[in-house]
C-alpha atoms as a PDB file:
ATOM      1  CA  UNK A   1      32.818 -23.370  89.443  1.00  0.00           C
ATOM      2  CA  UNK A   2      35.584 -20.928  89.634  1.00  0.00           C
ATOM      3  CA  UNK A   3      38.223 -23.503  88.790  1.00  0.00           C
ATOM      4  CA  UNK A   4      36.423 -24.274  85.356  1.00  0.00           C
ATOM      5  CA  UNK A   5      35.935 -20.241  85.016  1.00  0.00           C
ATOM      6  CA  UNK A   6      39.861 -19.644  85.489  1.00  0.00           C
ATOM      7  CA  UNK A   7      40.814 -22.538  83.498  1.00  0.00           C
ATOM      8  CA  UNK A   8      38.613 -21.614  80.222  1.00  0.00           C
ATOM      9  CA  UNK A   9      40.131 -17.977  80.989  1.00  0.00           C
ATOM     10  CA  UNK A  10      43.740 -19.764  80.388  1.00  0.00           C
ATOM     11  CA  UNK A  11      43.103 -21.239  77.682  1.00  0.00           C
ATOM     12  CA  UNK A  12      41.726 -18.613  75.776  1.00  0.00           C
ATOM     13  CA  UNK A  13      44.761 -16.404  76.741  1.00  0.00           C
ATOM     14  CA  UNK A  14      47.141 -18.993  75.224  1.00  0.00           C
ATOM     15  CA  UNK A  15      45.677 -19.610  72.385  1.00  0.00           C
ATOM     16  CA  UNK A  16      44.695 -16.053  71.331  1.00  0.00           C
ATOM     17  CA  UNK A  17      48.376 -15.268  72.494  1.00  0.00           C
ATOM     18  CA  UNK A  18      50.214 -16.639  69.354  1.00  0.00           C
ATOM     19  CA  UNK A  19      47.930 -15.210  66.955  1.00  0.00           C
ATOM     20  CA  UNK A  20      48.498 -11.621  67.985  1.00  0.00           C
ATOM     21  CA  UNK A  21      51.794 -12.201  68.025  1.00  0.00           C
ATOM     22  CA  UNK A  22      51.826 -13.431  64.218  1.00  0.00           C
ATOM     23  CA  UNK A  23      49.865 -10.902  63.182  1.00  0.00           C
ATOM     24  CA  UNK A  24      51.834  -8.035  63.694  1.00  0.00           C
ATOM     25  CA  UNK A  25      54.735  -7.567  60.980  1.00  0.00           C
ATOM     26  CA  UNK A  26      57.803  -5.849  61.625  1.00  0.00           C
ATOM     27  CA  UNK A  27      58.495  -3.387  59.037  1.00  0.00           C
ATOM     28  CA  UNK A  28      61.812  -2.293  57.644  1.00  0.00           C
ATOM     29  CA  UNK A  29      63.129   1.041  58.896  1.00  0.00           C
ATOM     30  CA  UNK A  30      63.156   3.603  55.838  1.00  0.00           C
ATOM     31  CA  UNK A  31      65.210   6.787  56.321  1.00  0.00           C
ATOM     32  CA  UNK A  32      64.215  10.582  55.600  1.00  0.00           C
ATOM     33  CA  UNK A  33      66.547  10.472  52.251  1.00  0.00           C
ATOM     34  CA  UNK A  34      64.626   7.443  51.273  1.00  0.00           C
ATOM     35  CA  UNK A  35      61.288   8.849  51.785  1.00  0.00           C
ATOM     36  CA  UNK A  36      62.914  11.953  49.966  1.00  0.00           C
ATOM     37  CA  UNK A  37      63.430  10.261  47.009  1.00  0.00           C
ATOM     38  CA  UNK A  38      60.715   8.447  46.584  1.00  0.00           C
ATOM     39  CA  UNK A  39      58.322  11.647  46.924  1.00  0.00           C
ATOM     40  CA  UNK A  40      60.300  13.381  44.153  1.00  0.00           C
ATOM     41  CA  UNK A  41      60.241  10.752  41.598  1.00  0.00           C
ATOM     42  CA  UNK A  42      56.501  10.348  42.480  1.00  0.00           C
ATOM     43  CA  UNK A  43      56.173  14.172  41.634  1.00  0.00           C
ATOM     44  CA  UNK A  44      57.900  13.124  38.800  1.00  0.00           C
ATOM     45  CA  UNK A  45      56.229  10.675  37.644  1.00  0.00           C
ATOM     46  CA  UNK A  46      53.089  12.845  38.461  1.00  0.00           C
ATOM     47  CA  UNK A  47      54.386  15.244  36.130  1.00  0.00           C
ATOM     48  CA  UNK A  48      54.920  13.015  33.850  1.00  0.00           C
ATOM     49  CA  UNK A  49      51.300  11.675  33.876  1.00  0.00           C
ATOM     50  CA  UNK A  50      50.038  15.330  33.610  1.00  0.00           C
ATOM     51  CA  UNK A  51      52.230  16.064  30.497  1.00  0.00           C
ATOM     52  CA  UNK A  52      51.025  12.906  28.849  1.00  0.00           C
ATOM     53  CA  UNK A  53      47.383  13.670  29.844  1.00  0.00           C
ATOM     54  CA  UNK A  54      47.691  17.548  28.563  1.00  0.00           C
ATOM     55  CA  UNK A  55      49.476  15.862  25.318  1.00  0.00           C
ATOM     56  CA  UNK A  56      46.543  13.663  24.724  1.00  0.00           C
ATOM     57  CA  UNK A  57      44.050  16.166  25.634  1.00  0.00           C
ATOM     58  CA  UNK A  58      45.525  18.320  23.106  1.00  0.00           C
ATOM     59  CA  UNK A  59      45.587  16.003  20.628  1.00  0.00           C
ATOM     60  CA  UNK A  60      41.693  14.700  21.352  1.00  0.00           C
ATOM     61  CA  UNK A  61      40.884  18.093  21.072  1.00  0.00           C
ATOM     62  CA  UNK A  62      42.725  18.507  17.641  1.00  0.00           C
ATOM     63  CA  UNK A  63      40.661  15.010  16.747  1.00  0.00           C
ATOM     64  CA  UNK A  64      37.595  16.547  17.832  1.00  0.00           C
ATOM     65  CA  UNK A  65      38.202  19.851  16.063  1.00  0.00           C
ATOM     66  CA  UNK A  66      38.979  17.916  12.954  1.00  0.00           C
ATOM     67  CA  UNK A  67      35.671  15.518  13.241  1.00  0.00           C
ATOM     68  CA  UNK A  68      34.066  18.305  13.980  1.00  0.00           C
ATOM     69  CA  UNK A  69      34.839  19.823  10.688  1.00  0.00           C
ATOM     70  CA  UNK A  70      34.480  17.373   8.715  1.00  0.00           C
ATOM     71  CA  UNK A  71      30.990  16.705  10.477  1.00  0.00           C
ATOM     72  CA  UNK A  72      30.069  20.257   9.604  1.00  0.00           C
ATOM     73  CA  UNK A  73      31.646  19.836   5.808  1.00  0.00           C
ATOM     74  CA  UNK A  74      29.325  16.483   5.458  1.00  0.00           C
ATOM     75  CA  UNK A  75      26.550  18.710   6.900  1.00  0.00           C
ATOM     76  CA  UNK A  76      26.949  20.943   4.514  1.00  0.00           C
ATOM     77  CA  UNK A  77      27.533  18.842   1.621  1.00  0.00           C
ATOM     78  CA  UNK A  78      23.905  16.739   2.913  1.00  0.00           C
ATOM     79  CA  UNK A  79      22.113  20.468   2.944  1.00  0.00           C
ATOM     80  CA  UNK A  80      23.631  21.002  -0.635  1.00  0.00           C
ATOM     81  CA  UNK A  81      22.484  17.758  -2.009  1.00  0.00           C
ATOM     82  CA  UNK A  82      19.285  18.017  -0.009  1.00  0.00           C
ATOM     83  CA  UNK A  83      18.393  21.736  -1.648  1.00  0.00           C
ATOM     84  CA  UNK A  84      19.343  20.557  -4.975  1.00  0.00           C
ATOM     85  CA  UNK A  85      16.979  17.721  -4.995  1.00  0.00           C
ATOM     86  CA  UNK A  86      14.176  19.539  -3.384  1.00  0.00           C
ATOM     87  CA  UNK A  87      14.657  22.378  -6.131  1.00  0.00           C
ATOM     88  CA  UNK A  88      14.721  19.426  -8.474  1.00  0.00           C
ATOM     89  CA  UNK A  89      11.517  18.205  -7.159  1.00  0.00           C
ATOM     90  CA  UNK A  90       9.692  21.636  -6.976  1.00  0.00           C
ATOM     91  CA  UNK A  91      10.464  21.968 -10.799  1.00  0.00           C
ATOM     92  CA  UNK A  92       8.932  18.735 -11.272  1.00  0.00           C
ATOM     93  CA  UNK A  93       5.853  19.738  -9.524  1.00  0.00           C
ATOM     94  CA  UNK A  94       5.881  22.875 -11.266  1.00  0.00           C
ATOM     95  CA  UNK A  95       6.235  21.018 -14.721  1.00  0.00           C
ATOM     96  CA  UNK A  96       3.082  18.385 -13.346  1.00  0.00           C
ATOM     97  CA  UNK A  97       0.664  21.865 -12.425  1.00  0.00           C
ATOM     98  CA  UNK A  98       1.593  23.039 -15.834  1.00  0.00           C
ATOM     99  CA  UNK A  99       0.629  19.842 -17.634  1.00  0.00           C
ATOM    100  CA  UNK A 100      -2.366  19.991 -15.281  1.00  0.00           C
ATOM    101  CA  UNK A 101      -3.201  23.216 -16.674  1.00  0.00           C
ATOM    102  CA  UNK A 102      -2.693  22.700 -20.390  1.00  0.00           C
ATOM    103  CA  UNK A 103      -4.870  19.528 -19.510  1.00  0.00           C
ATOM    104  CA  UNK A 104      -7.511  22.140 -18.325  1.00  0.00           C
ATOM    105  CA  UNK A 105      -7.244  24.196 -20.858  1.00  0.00           C
ATOM    106  CA  UNK A 106      -7.697  21.269 -23.559  1.00  0.00           C
ATOM    107  CA  UNK A 107     -10.737  20.017 -21.711  1.00  0.00           C
ATOM    108  CA  UNK A 108     -12.206  23.520 -21.958  1.00  0.00           C
ATOM    109  CA  UNK A 109     -11.636  23.986 -25.312  1.00  0.00           C
ATOM    110  CA  UNK A 110     -13.159  20.212 -25.825  1.00  0.00           C
ATOM    111  CA  UNK A 111     -16.272  21.342 -23.963  1.00  0.00           C
ATOM    112  CA  UNK A 112     -16.886  23.819 -25.791  1.00  0.00           C
ATOM    113  CA  UNK A 113     -16.535  22.711 -29.122  1.00  0.00           C
ATOM    114  CA  UNK A 114     -18.938  19.635 -27.389  1.00  0.00           C
ATOM    115  CA  UNK A 115     -21.025  23.031 -26.264  1.00  0.00           C
ATOM    116  CA  UNK A 116     -21.207  24.201 -29.826  1.00  0.00           C
ATOM    117  CA  UNK A 117     -21.782  21.178 -31.023  1.00  0.00           C
ATOM    118  CA  UNK A 118     -24.791  20.719 -28.958  1.00  0.00           C
ATOM    119  CA  UNK A 119     -26.250  23.783 -29.674  1.00  0.00           C
ATOM    120  CA  UNK A 120     -26.065  23.110 -33.946  1.00  0.00           C
ATOM    121  CA  UNK A 121     -27.406  20.305 -33.214  1.00  0.00           C
ATOM    122  CA  UNK A 122     -30.400  20.956 -30.938  1.00  0.00           C
ATOM    123  CA  UNK A 123     -30.813  24.496 -33.940  1.00  0.00           C
ATOM    124  CA  UNK A 124     -30.778  21.963 -36.618  1.00  0.00           C
ATOM    125  CA  UNK A 125     -33.118  19.842 -34.556  1.00  0.00           C
ATOM    126  CA  UNK A 126     -35.719  22.824 -34.309  1.00  0.00           C
ATOM    127  CA  UNK A 127     -35.668  23.878 -37.967  1.00  0.00           C
ATOM    128  CA  UNK A 128     -35.917  20.281 -38.857  1.00  0.00           C
ATOM    129  CA  UNK A 129     -39.033  20.351 -36.325  1.00  0.00           C
ATOM    130  CA  UNK A 130     -39.937  23.318 -37.641  1.00  0.00           C
ATOM    131  CA  UNK A 131     -40.116  22.263 -41.323  1.00  0.00           C
ATOM    132  CA  UNK A 132     -42.100  19.004 -40.193  1.00  0.00           C
ATOM    133  CA  UNK A 133     -44.934  20.520 -38.471  1.00  0.00           C
ATOM    134  CA  UNK A 134     -45.388  23.550 -41.121  1.00  0.00           C
ATOM    135  CA  UNK A 135     -45.402  20.136 -43.708  1.00  0.00           C
ATOM    136  CA  UNK A 136     -47.984  18.702 -41.603  1.00  0.00           C
ATOM    137  CA  UNK A 137     -50.268  21.745 -40.865  1.00  0.00           C
ATOM    138  CA  UNK A 138     -50.219  22.729 -44.887  1.00  0.00           C
ATOM    139  CA  UNK A 139     -50.881  18.987 -45.253  1.00  0.00           C
ATOM    140  CA  UNK A 140     -54.007  19.025 -43.097  1.00  0.00           C
ATOM    141  CA  UNK A 141     -55.561  22.723 -44.616  1.00  0.00           C
ATOM    142  CA  UNK A 142     -54.512  20.876 -48.219  1.00  0.00           C
ATOM    143  CA  UNK A 143     -56.509  17.420 -47.115  1.00  0.00           C
ATOM    144  CA  UNK A 144     -59.239  20.263 -45.212  1.00  0.00           C
ATOM    145  CA  UNK A 145     -59.490  21.629 -48.727  1.00  0.00           C
ATOM    146  CA  UNK A 146     -59.461  18.836 -50.613  1.00  0.00           C
ATOM    147  CA  UNK A 147     -62.321  17.160 -48.276  1.00  0.00           C
ATOM    148  CA  UNK A 148     -64.529  20.003 -48.878  1.00  0.00           C
ATOM    149  CA  UNK A 149     -63.807  19.809 -52.637  1.00  0.00           C
ATOM    150  CA  UNK A 150     -64.844  16.095 -52.652  1.00  0.00           C
ATOM    151  CA  UNK A 151     -67.765  16.850 -50.610  1.00  0.00           C
ATOM    152  CA  UNK A 152     -68.527  19.830 -53.263  1.00  0.00           C
ATOM    153  CA  UNK A 153     -68.055  17.216 -56.388  1.00  0.00           C
ATOM    154  CA  UNK A 154     -69.963  14.367 -54.465  1.00  0.00           C
ATOM    155  CA  UNK A 155     -72.906  16.333 -54.121  1.00  0.00           C
ATOM    156  CA  UNK A 156     -72.681  17.472 -57.859  1.00  0.00           C
ATOM    157  CA  UNK A 157     -71.733  13.862 -59.145  1.00  0.00           C
ATOM    158  CA  UNK A 158     -75.082  12.584 -57.183  1.00  0.00           C
ATOM    159  CA  UNK A 159     -77.042  15.319 -58.545  1.00  0.00           C
ATOM    160  CA  UNK A 160     -75.537  14.878 -62.299  1.00  0.00           C
ATOM    161  CA  UNK A 161     -76.691  10.705 -61.604  1.00  0.00           C
ATOM    162  CA  UNK A 162     -79.981  11.422 -60.901  1.00  0.00           C
ATOM    163  CA  UNK A 163     -80.112  13.641 -63.641  1.00  0.00           C
ATOM    164  CA  UNK A 164     -78.677  10.939 -65.928  1.00  0.00           C
ATOM    165  CA  UNK A 165     -80.718   8.472 -64.641  1.00  0.00           C
ATOM    166  CA  UNK A 166     -83.935  10.958 -65.242  1.00  0.00           C
ATOM    167  CA  UNK A 167     -82.663  11.296 -68.374  1.00  0.00           C
ATOM    168  CA  UNK A 168     -81.799   7.900 -69.443  1.00  0.00           C
ATOM    169  CA  UNK A 169     -84.749   5.220 -70.911  1.00  0.00           C
ATOM    170  CA  UNK A 170     -85.404   2.984 -68.954  1.00  0.00           C
ATOM    171  CA  UNK A 171     -83.162  -0.613 -69.455  1.00  0.00           C
ATOM    172  CA  UNK A 172     -85.639  -2.844 -71.357  1.00  0.00           C
ATOM    173  CA  UNK A 173     -86.610  -0.208 -74.045  1.00  0.00           C
ATOM    174  CA  UNK A 174     -83.603  -0.150 -75.922  1.00  0.00           C
END
């Protein structure tokens, strides 16, 4: 069994050794001068990028300021338009209120006229009813006096008729 373990160990070492040797790559040798040159180029590129970023930052700030000014101007214009429209609406509301007040005054005038007409109508009706009642009272009074006069005349006529009948000769005599 030991032989087997040794055999497996040897095979494992043989198989893994070429893999480890092929995994490492030999780097070319760089001198200090090349490193310094590359660093200076990197620093110059960094400076150029910073300048470019600063330029972009300035141009963006300018554009933002321009856009901010334009936006503020548009907001002011919109505010003026809205104020103008609100003033127009307020004027319309005032006109409507004036018309409503005029209509109220006109209706109050009409109600005053109607009240006056009802007053006149009621007064005329009372006057006519007074005349009618007075006429009825007078007619009642006349009728009562005529009835009493007729009763008196009736009694007189009955008396006269009785006298005439007594004074007339009997029917077959003449």
